[in-house]
Amino acid sequence: MTGRLAGKAIAITGAESGLGRAMALRAASEGALIAAAGLDAQGLDETVASMSNFEGTGIAIPTDVTDPAALQAMIDGTVGAFGRLDGTIANAGAFITATNFQDWDPADWHRVLAVNLTGVFMTLQAAARVLIEQGEGGSLLATGSSTAIRPVPNALPYVASKGGVHQLMRALAVELAPHNIRVNTIVPGMARTPPVEDTEGYIETGLKMVPMNAVVEPEEIAALVAFALSDEAPHMTGTLLKVDGGRTSA
């Protein structure tokens, strides 16, 4: 293998579609060994099958990120398949159709935070234990959101959960720096993902807040993620990796 991620074992949650699939395919194209994790087993199989012509390869591990035992099994499965772990991307997320603050069901609030914030915490905790034990550093990434910086109305659980992810990753970057483990947050803007495309009027309304007036393709975000996973950024940590068309700058 000759790619800049050659031989690196990377676990990615939410890899069955959207951003997670794009990240997995880009990393595999650069030689990475991918553990594709998520709830949709068929989607995971399709992601792995799409790697057949790439330098890297992958395995599918159905995983519920709200279940700590399942997350530990996913990390253990990655190490078992590839002999090590070099990085993990906590990308799995939940988005519920928007409603007014006064109408939110507390059960929906808890569900979104369980996936988007607690799930990220548990995913990276399981990965960090392995990276610390290996003693060779590594890279941890999580998917945040431009809405955590520039909020939108009627999406409070999502906005709050992603804001929590941003702060979690900042604190984690400081804590894990002595172990040479880099911790960075992916901050997509209006990205072309299934939840965005499936929500009527979301793109048309959202683009009004994007100076470049463009939807970000998952592949562009995946290219930045590949750089963050590589050895080309040995001291980049605690960073918000924004790909948002200027949304958070306006």
C-alpha atoms as a PDB file:
ATOM      1  CA  MET A   1       0.000   0.000   0.000  1.00  0.00           C
ATOM      2  CA  THR A   2       1.228   3.469  -0.900  1.00  0.00           C
ATOM      3  CA  GLY A   3      -1.598   5.884   0.053  1.00  0.00           C
ATOM      4  CA  ARG A   4      -1.120   8.356   2.887  1.00  0.00           C
ATOM      5  CA  LEU A   5      -3.503   6.278   5.051  1.00  0.00           C
ATOM      6  CA  ALA A   6      -1.945   2.969   4.034  1.00  0.00           C
ATOM      7  CA  GLY A   7      -2.437   0.311   6.690  1.00  0.00           C
ATOM      8  CA  LYS A   8      -4.190   2.622   9.150  1.00  0.00           C
ATOM      9  CA  ALA A   9      -7.139   0.959  10.890  1.00  0.00           C
ATOM     10  CA  ILE A  10     -10.046   3.395  11.173  1.00  0.00           C
ATOM     11  CA  ALA A  11     -13.463   2.811  12.767  1.00  0.00           C
ATOM     12  CA  ILE A  12     -16.326   4.999  11.519  1.00  0.00           C
ATOM     13  CA  THR A  13     -19.842   5.119  12.955  1.00  0.00           C
ATOM     14  CA  GLY A  14     -22.771   6.150  10.786  1.00  0.00           C
ATOM     15  CA  ALA A  15     -20.921   4.668   7.812  1.00  0.00           C
ATOM     16  CA  GLU A  16     -23.989   3.223   6.106  1.00  0.00           C
ATOM     17  CA  SER A  17     -24.780   6.404   4.147  1.00  0.00           C
ATOM     18  CA  GLY A  18     -24.159  10.116   3.718  1.00  0.00           C
ATOM     19  CA  LEU A  19     -21.086  11.670   5.284  1.00  0.00           C
ATOM     20  CA  GLY A  20     -20.006   8.455   6.998  1.00  0.00           C
ATOM     21  CA  ARG A  21     -19.998   6.491   3.761  1.00  0.00           C
ATOM     22  CA  ALA A  22     -18.092   9.241   1.960  1.00  0.00           C
ATOM     23  CA  MET A  23     -15.489   9.322   4.748  1.00  0.00           C
ATOM     24  CA  ALA A  24     -15.112   5.545   4.658  1.00  0.00           C
ATOM     25  CA  LEU A  25     -14.702   5.419   0.890  1.00  0.00           C
ATOM     26  CA  ARG A  26     -12.210   8.285   0.771  1.00  0.00           C
ATOM     27  CA  ALA A  27     -10.100   6.768   3.552  1.00  0.00           C
ATOM     28  CA  ALA A  28     -10.172   3.343   1.886  1.00  0.00           C
ATOM     29  CA  SER A  29      -9.152   4.915  -1.422  1.00  0.00           C
ATOM     30  CA  GLU A  30      -6.033   6.168   0.359  1.00  0.00           C
ATOM     31  CA  GLY A  31      -5.196   2.753   1.780  1.00  0.00           C
ATOM     32  CA  ALA A  32      -7.019   2.692   5.127  1.00  0.00           C
ATOM     33  CA  LEU A  33      -8.521  -0.413   6.685  1.00  0.00           C
ATOM     34  CA  ILE A  34     -12.097   0.527   7.532  1.00  0.00           C
ATOM     35  CA  ALA A  35     -14.501  -0.802  10.154  1.00  0.00           C
ATOM     36  CA  ALA A  36     -17.839   0.558   8.950  1.00  0.00           C
ATOM     37  CA  ALA A  37     -20.291   0.720  11.859  1.00  0.00           C
ATOM     38  CA  GLY A  38     -23.950   1.697  12.075  1.00  0.00           C
ATOM     39  CA  LEU A  39     -27.518   0.476  12.499  1.00  0.00           C
ATOM     40  CA  ASP A  40     -28.306  -0.329   8.863  1.00  0.00           C
ATOM     41  CA  ALA A  41     -26.589  -3.630   8.076  1.00  0.00           C
ATOM     42  CA  GLN A  42     -27.519  -3.491   4.390  1.00  0.00           C
ATOM     43  CA  GLY A  43     -26.155   0.035   4.075  1.00  0.00           C
ATOM     44  CA  LEU A  44     -22.919  -1.014   5.766  1.00  0.00           C
ATOM     45  CA  ASP A  45     -22.534  -3.932   3.374  1.00  0.00           C
ATOM     46  CA  GLU A  46     -23.032  -1.562   0.445  1.00  0.00           C
ATOM     47  CA  THR A  47     -20.366   0.772   1.825  1.00  0.00           C
ATOM     48  CA  VAL A  48     -17.874  -2.069   2.182  1.00  0.00           C
ATOM     49  CA  ALA A  49     -18.725  -3.449  -1.263  1.00  0.00           C
ATOM     50  CA  SER A  50     -17.975  -0.031  -2.759  1.00  0.00           C
ATOM     51  CA  MET A  51     -14.381  -0.361  -1.539  1.00  0.00           C
ATOM     52  CA  SER A  52     -13.635  -3.356  -3.773  1.00  0.00           C
ATOM     53  CA  ASN A  53     -11.533  -1.369  -6.247  1.00  0.00           C
ATOM     54  CA  PHE A  54      -9.690   0.668  -3.624  1.00  0.00           C
ATOM     55  CA  GLU A  55      -6.254   0.231  -2.121  1.00  0.00           C
ATOM     56  CA  GLY A  56      -7.763  -0.240   1.325  1.00  0.00           C
ATOM     57  CA  THR A  57     -10.460  -2.620   2.452  1.00  0.00           C
ATOM     58  CA  GLY A  58     -13.239  -2.792   5.012  1.00  0.00           C
ATOM     59  CA  ILE A  59     -15.529  -4.799   7.239  1.00  0.00           C
ATOM     60  CA  ALA A  60     -19.095  -4.087   8.353  1.00  0.00           C
ATOM     61  CA  ILE A  61     -19.950  -4.095  12.064  1.00  0.00           C
ATOM     62  CA  PRO A  62     -23.626  -3.382  12.857  1.00  0.00           C
ATOM     63  CA  THR A  63     -23.549  -1.142  15.939  1.00  0.00           C
ATOM     64  CA  ASP A  64     -25.961   0.825  18.108  1.00  0.00           C
ATOM     65  CA  VAL A  65     -24.020   3.844  19.377  1.00  0.00           C
ATOM     66  CA  THR A  66     -26.339   4.185  22.373  1.00  0.00           C
ATOM     67  CA  ASP A  67     -25.196   0.773  23.648  1.00  0.00           C
ATOM     68  CA  PRO A  68     -21.779   0.886  25.356  1.00  0.00           C
ATOM     69  CA  ALA A  69     -21.343  -2.897  25.056  1.00  0.00           C
ATOM     70  CA  ALA A  70     -22.001  -2.720  21.311  1.00  0.00           C
ATOM     71  CA  LEU A  71     -19.488   0.103  20.924  1.00  0.00           C
ATOM     72  CA  GLN A  72     -16.844  -1.810  22.832  1.00  0.00           C
ATOM     73  CA  ALA A  73     -17.530  -4.834  20.621  1.00  0.00           C
ATOM     74  CA  MET A  74     -17.122  -2.616  17.547  1.00  0.00           C
ATOM     75  CA  ILE A  75     -13.732  -1.344  18.675  1.00  0.00           C
ATOM     76  CA  ASP A  76     -12.669  -4.852  19.708  1.00  0.00           C
ATOM     77  CA  GLY A  77     -13.821  -6.133  16.313  1.00  0.00           C
ATOM     78  CA  THR A  78     -11.743  -3.502  14.546  1.00  0.00           C
ATOM     79  CA  VAL A  79      -8.625  -4.475  16.467  1.00  0.00           C
ATOM     80  CA  GLY A  80      -9.395  -8.156  15.977  1.00  0.00           C
ATOM     81  CA  ALA A  81      -9.711  -7.748  12.212  1.00  0.00           C
ATOM     82  CA  PHE A  82      -6.786  -5.401  11.595  1.00  0.00           C
ATOM     83  CA  GLY A  83      -4.492  -5.974  14.557  1.00  0.00           C
ATOM     84  CA  ARG A  84      -4.571  -2.383  15.769  1.00  0.00           C
ATOM     85  CA  LEU A  85      -6.513   0.890  15.828  1.00  0.00           C
ATOM     86  CA  ASP A  86      -5.215   4.182  14.443  1.00  0.00           C
ATOM     87  CA  GLY A  87      -8.278   6.388  14.444  1.00  0.00           C
ATOM     88  CA  THR A  88     -12.002   6.614  15.017  1.00  0.00           C
ATOM     89  CA  ILE A  89     -14.691   8.901  13.627  1.00  0.00           C
ATOM     90  CA  ALA A  90     -17.815   9.333  15.763  1.00  0.00           C
ATOM     91  CA  ASN A  91     -20.140  10.318  12.957  1.00  0.00           C
ATOM     92  CA  ALA A  92     -23.469   8.634  13.763  1.00  0.00           C
ATOM     93  CA  GLY A  93     -26.200  11.190  14.324  1.00  0.00           C
ATOM     94  CA  ALA A  94     -29.915  11.658  14.832  1.00  0.00           C
ATOM     95  CA  PHE A  95     -32.089  14.456  13.496  1.00  0.00           C
ATOM     96  CA  ILE A  96     -35.783  14.757  14.277  1.00  0.00           C
ATOM     97  CA  THR A  97     -38.247  16.844  12.274  1.00  0.00           C
ATOM     98  CA  ALA A  98     -38.193  20.375  13.611  1.00  0.00           C
ATOM     99  CA  THR A  99     -40.829  21.730  15.949  1.00  0.00           C
ATOM    100  CA  ASN A 100     -41.303  24.613  18.374  1.00  0.00           C
ATOM    101  CA  PHE A 101     -39.544  24.568  21.745  1.00  0.00           C
ATOM    102  CA  GLN A 102     -42.797  24.374  23.684  1.00  0.00           C
ATOM    103  CA  ASP A 103     -43.895  21.311  21.695  1.00  0.00           C
ATOM    104  CA  TRP A 104     -40.807  19.106  21.971  1.00  0.00           C
ATOM    105  CA  ASP A 105     -41.413  15.697  23.534  1.00  0.00           C
ATOM    106  CA  PRO A 106     -38.765  15.064  26.232  1.00  0.00           C
ATOM    107  CA  ALA A 107     -38.370  11.548  24.827  1.00  0.00           C
ATOM    108  CA  ASP A 108     -37.189  13.033  21.521  1.00  0.00           C
ATOM    109  CA  TRP A 109     -34.774  15.302  23.384  1.00  0.00           C
ATOM    110  CA  HIS A 110     -33.254  12.321  25.190  1.00  0.00           C
ATOM    111  CA  ARG A 111     -33.071  10.243  22.009  1.00  0.00           C
ATOM    112  CA  VAL A 112     -31.185  12.912  20.054  1.00  0.00           C
ATOM    113  CA  LEU A 113     -28.720  13.544  22.880  1.00  0.00           C
ATOM    114  CA  ALA A 114     -28.237   9.802  23.410  1.00  0.00           C
ATOM    115  CA  VAL A 115     -27.044   9.406  19.822  1.00  0.00           C
ATOM    116  CA  ASN A 116     -25.416  12.750  19.078  1.00  0.00           C
ATOM    117  CA  LEU A 117     -23.629  13.466  22.342  1.00  0.00           C
ATOM    118  CA  THR A 118     -23.544  10.467  24.659  1.00  0.00           C
ATOM    119  CA  GLY A 119     -22.937   8.187  21.680  1.00  0.00           C
ATOM    120  CA  VAL A 120     -19.941  10.286  20.658  1.00  0.00           C
ATOM    121  CA  PHE A 121     -18.608  10.215  24.214  1.00  0.00           C
ATOM    122  CA  MET A 122     -18.871   6.419  24.451  1.00  0.00           C
ATOM    123  CA  THR A 123     -17.498   5.807  20.944  1.00  0.00           C
ATOM    124  CA  LEU A 124     -14.386   7.881  21.537  1.00  0.00           C
ATOM    125  CA  GLN A 125     -13.921   6.598  25.075  1.00  0.00           C
ATOM    126  CA  ALA A 126     -13.744   3.009  23.815  1.00  0.00           C
ATOM    127  CA  ALA A 127     -11.342   4.054  21.057  1.00  0.00           C
ATOM    128  CA  ALA A 128      -9.137   6.154  23.354  1.00  0.00           C
ATOM    129  CA  ARG A 129      -8.594   3.233  25.721  1.00  0.00           C
ATOM    130  CA  VAL A 130      -7.055   1.251  22.869  1.00  0.00           C
ATOM    131  CA  LEU A 131      -4.986   4.143  21.529  1.00  0.00           C
ATOM    132  CA  ILE A 132      -3.592   4.918  24.985  1.00  0.00           C
ATOM    133  CA  GLU A 133      -2.721   1.254  25.554  1.00  0.00           C
ATOM    134  CA  GLN A 134      -0.978   1.032  22.173  1.00  0.00           C
ATOM    135  CA  GLY A 135       1.070   4.105  23.052  1.00  0.00           C
ATOM    136  CA  GLU A 136       1.511   5.281  19.471  1.00  0.00           C
ATOM    137  CA  GLY A 137      -0.903   8.222  19.325  1.00  0.00           C
ATOM    138  CA  GLY A 138      -3.776   8.378  16.876  1.00  0.00           C
ATOM    139  CA  SER A 139      -6.615  10.519  15.600  1.00  0.00           C
ATOM    140  CA  LEU A 140     -10.139  10.951  16.965  1.00  0.00           C
ATOM    141  CA  LEU A 141     -12.798  12.860  15.051  1.00  0.00           C
ATOM    142  CA  ALA A 142     -16.452  13.657  15.656  1.00  0.00           C
ATOM    143  CA  THR A 143     -19.059  15.231  13.431  1.00  0.00           C
ATOM    144  CA  GLY A 144     -20.329  18.505  14.826  1.00  0.00           C
ATOM    145  CA  SER A 145     -22.461  21.056  13.005  1.00  0.00           C
ATOM    146  CA  SER A 146     -22.433  24.659  11.857  1.00  0.00           C
ATOM    147  CA  THR A 147     -25.730  24.997  13.768  1.00  0.00           C
ATOM    148  CA  ALA A 148     -23.739  24.650  16.995  1.00  0.00           C
ATOM    149  CA  ILE A 149     -22.016  27.933  16.071  1.00  0.00           C
ATOM    150  CA  ARG A 150     -24.862  29.670  14.272  1.00  0.00           C
ATOM    151  CA  PRO A 151     -28.091  28.130  15.605  1.00  0.00           C
ATOM    152  CA  VAL A 152     -31.287  27.640  13.652  1.00  0.00           C
ATOM    153  CA  PRO A 153     -34.780  27.714  15.163  1.00  0.00           C
ATOM    154  CA  ASN A 154     -36.982  24.697  15.852  1.00  0.00           C
ATOM    155  CA  ALA A 155     -34.136  22.184  16.113  1.00  0.00           C
ATOM    156  CA  LEU A 156     -33.158  22.599  19.746  1.00  0.00           C
ATOM    157  CA  PRO A 157     -32.143  18.995  20.627  1.00  0.00           C
ATOM    158  CA  TYR A 158     -29.927  18.771  17.549  1.00  0.00           C
ATOM    159  CA  VAL A 159     -28.322  22.185  18.045  1.00  0.00           C
ATOM    160  CA  ALA A 160     -27.722  21.553  21.752  1.00  0.00           C
ATOM    161  CA  SER A 161     -26.272  18.101  21.162  1.00  0.00           C
ATOM    162  CA  LYS A 162     -23.852  19.339  18.511  1.00  0.00           C
ATOM    163  CA  GLY A 163     -22.798  22.224  20.739  1.00  0.00           C
ATOM    164  CA  GLY A 164     -22.007  19.626  23.365  1.00  0.00           C
ATOM    165  CA  VAL A 165     -19.921  17.702  20.846  1.00  0.00           C
ATOM    166  CA  HIS A 166     -17.854  20.804  20.075  1.00  0.00           C
ATOM    167  CA  GLN A 167     -17.067  21.378  23.746  1.00  0.00           C
ATOM    168  CA  LEU A 168     -16.467  17.690  24.422  1.00  0.00           C
ATOM    169  CA  MET A 169     -13.871  17.584  21.665  1.00  0.00           C
ATOM    170  CA  ARG A 170     -12.122  20.752  22.859  1.00  0.00           C
ATOM    171  CA  ALA A 171     -11.752  19.320  26.348  1.00  0.00           C
ATOM    172  CA  LEU A 172     -10.721  15.926  25.025  1.00  0.00           C
ATOM    173  CA  ALA A 173      -8.012  17.478  22.858  1.00  0.00           C
ATOM    174  CA  VAL A 174      -6.381  18.919  25.970  1.00  0.00           C
ATOM    175  CA  GLU A 175      -6.743  15.723  27.988  1.00  0.00           C
ATOM    176  CA  LEU A 176      -5.391  13.373  25.321  1.00  0.00           C
ATOM    177  CA  ALA A 177      -2.563  15.593  24.044  1.00  0.00           C
ATOM    178  CA  PRO A 178       0.002  13.989  26.399  1.00  0.00           C
ATOM    179  CA  HIS A 179      -0.755  10.677  24.667  1.00  0.00           C
ATOM    180  CA  ASN A 180      -0.151  12.239  21.226  1.00  0.00           C
ATOM    181  CA  ILE A 181      -3.796  11.603  20.329  1.00  0.00           C
ATOM    182  CA  ARG A 182      -5.208  14.311  18.081  1.00  0.00           C
ATOM    183  CA  VAL A 183      -8.847  15.311  18.582  1.00  0.00           C
ATOM    184  CA  ASN A 184     -10.707  17.386  15.995  1.00  0.00           C
ATOM    185  CA  THR A 185     -14.291  18.237  15.101  1.00  0.00           C
ATOM    186  CA  ILE A 186     -15.776  18.085  11.611  1.00  0.00           C
ATOM    187  CA  VAL A 187     -18.156  21.023  11.099  1.00  0.00           C
ATOM    188  CA  PRO A 188     -20.299  20.569   7.989  1.00  0.00           C
ATOM    189  CA  GLY A 189     -22.521  23.346   6.774  1.00  0.00           C
ATOM    190  CA  MET A 190     -25.406  22.636   4.416  1.00  0.00           C
ATOM    191  CA  ALA A 191     -24.228  19.184   3.343  1.00  0.00           C
ATOM    192  CA  ARG A 192     -25.996  16.902   0.889  1.00  0.00           C
ATOM    193  CA  THR A 193     -27.051  14.110   3.263  1.00  0.00           C
ATOM    194  CA  PRO A 194     -30.264  12.040   3.490  1.00  0.00           C
ATOM    195  CA  PRO A 195     -31.762  14.048   6.412  1.00  0.00           C
ATOM    196  CA  VAL A 196     -31.123  17.332   4.609  1.00  0.00           C
ATOM    197  CA  GLU A 197     -32.519  16.145   1.292  1.00  0.00           C
ATOM    198  CA  ASP A 198     -35.492  14.405   2.898  1.00  0.00           C
ATOM    199  CA  THR A 199     -36.656  17.478   4.854  1.00  0.00           C
ATOM    200  CA  GLU A 200     -38.919  19.554   2.624  1.00  0.00           C
ATOM    201  CA  GLY A 201     -37.693  23.100   2.107  1.00  0.00           C
ATOM    202  CA  TYR A 202     -34.591  22.635   4.286  1.00  0.00           C
ATOM    203  CA  ILE A 203     -32.063  23.288   1.526  1.00  0.00           C
ATOM    204  CA  GLU A 204     -33.908  26.287   0.067  1.00  0.00           C
ATOM    205  CA  THR A 205     -34.266  27.904   3.495  1.00  0.00           C
ATOM    206  CA  GLY A 206     -30.789  26.982   4.695  1.00  0.00           C
ATOM    207  CA  LEU A 207     -28.970  28.340   1.649  1.00  0.00           C
ATOM    208  CA  LYS A 208     -30.185  31.818   2.545  1.00  0.00           C
ATOM    209  CA  MET A 209     -27.662  31.665   5.417  1.00  0.00           C
ATOM    210  CA  VAL A 210     -24.758  30.428   3.241  1.00  0.00           C
ATOM    211  CA  PRO A 211     -22.687  33.203   1.593  1.00  0.00           C
ATOM    212  CA  MET A 212     -21.408  30.874  -1.135  1.00  0.00           C
ATOM    213  CA  ASN A 213     -25.001  29.766  -1.830  1.00  0.00           C
ATOM    214  CA  ALA A 214     -23.952  26.170  -2.335  1.00  0.00           C
ATOM    215  CA  VAL A 215     -24.645  22.764  -0.847  1.00  0.00           C
ATOM    216  CA  VAL A 216     -21.474  20.981   0.319  1.00  0.00           C
ATOM    217  CA  GLU A 217     -20.942  17.546  -1.169  1.00  0.00           C
ATOM    218  CA  PRO A 218     -19.970  14.750   1.276  1.00  0.00           C
ATOM    219  CA  GLU A 219     -16.862  14.006  -0.770  1.00  0.00           C
ATOM    220  CA  GLU A 220     -15.430  17.461  -0.048  1.00  0.00           C
ATOM    221  CA  ILE A 221     -15.822  16.901   3.688  1.00  0.00           C
ATOM    222  CA  ALA A 222     -14.342  13.421   3.354  1.00  0.00           C
ATOM    223  CA  ALA A 223     -11.222  14.861   1.712  1.00  0.00           C
ATOM    224  CA  LEU A 224     -10.587  17.074   4.743  1.00  0.00           C
ATOM    225  CA  VAL A 225     -11.226  14.128   7.066  1.00  0.00           C
ATOM    226  CA  ALA A 226      -8.614  12.050   5.219  1.00  0.00           C
ATOM    227  CA  PHE A 227      -6.081  14.817   5.796  1.00  0.00           C
ATOM    228  CA  ALA A 228      -6.976  14.950   9.510  1.00  0.00           C
ATOM    229  CA  LEU A 229      -6.487  11.187   9.810  1.00  0.00           C
ATOM    230  CA  SER A 230      -3.126  11.276   8.076  1.00  0.00           C
ATOM    231  CA  ASP A 231       0.362  11.908   9.408  1.00  0.00           C
ATOM    232  CA  GLU A 232       0.455  15.199   7.506  1.00  0.00           C
ATOM    233  CA  ALA A 233      -1.159  17.017  10.438  1.00  0.00           C
ATOM    234  CA  PRO A 234       0.768  15.748  13.491  1.00  0.00           C
ATOM    235  CA  HIS A 235       0.040  18.785  15.662  1.00  0.00           C
ATOM    236  CA  MET A 236      -3.480  19.717  14.549  1.00  0.00           C
ATOM    237  CA  THR A 237      -5.730  19.135  17.544  1.00  0.00           C
ATOM    238  CA  GLY A 238      -8.664  20.871  19.223  1.00  0.00           C
ATOM    239  CA  THR A 239      -9.668  22.302  15.849  1.00  0.00           C
ATOM    240  CA  LEU A 240     -13.058  22.949  14.232  1.00  0.00           C
ATOM    241  CA  LEU A 241     -12.688  21.705  10.659  1.00  0.00           C
ATOM    242  CA  LYS A 242     -15.303  23.847   8.911  1.00  0.00           C
ATOM    243  CA  VAL A 243     -16.647  23.096   5.459  1.00  0.00           C
ATOM    244  CA  ASP A 244     -19.695  25.338   5.449  1.00  0.00           C
ATOM    245  CA  GLY A 245     -19.588  27.758   2.531  1.00  0.00           C
ATOM    246  CA  GLY A 246     -19.035  30.631   4.951  1.00  0.00           C
ATOM    247  CA  ARG A 247     -22.188  29.971   6.966  1.00  0.00           C
ATOM    248  CA  THR A 248     -20.521  30.409  10.360  1.00  0.00           C
ATOM    249  CA  SER A 249     -18.648  33.513   9.225  1.00  0.00           C
ATOM    250  CA  ALA A 250     -21.648  35.510   8.018  1.00  0.00           C
END
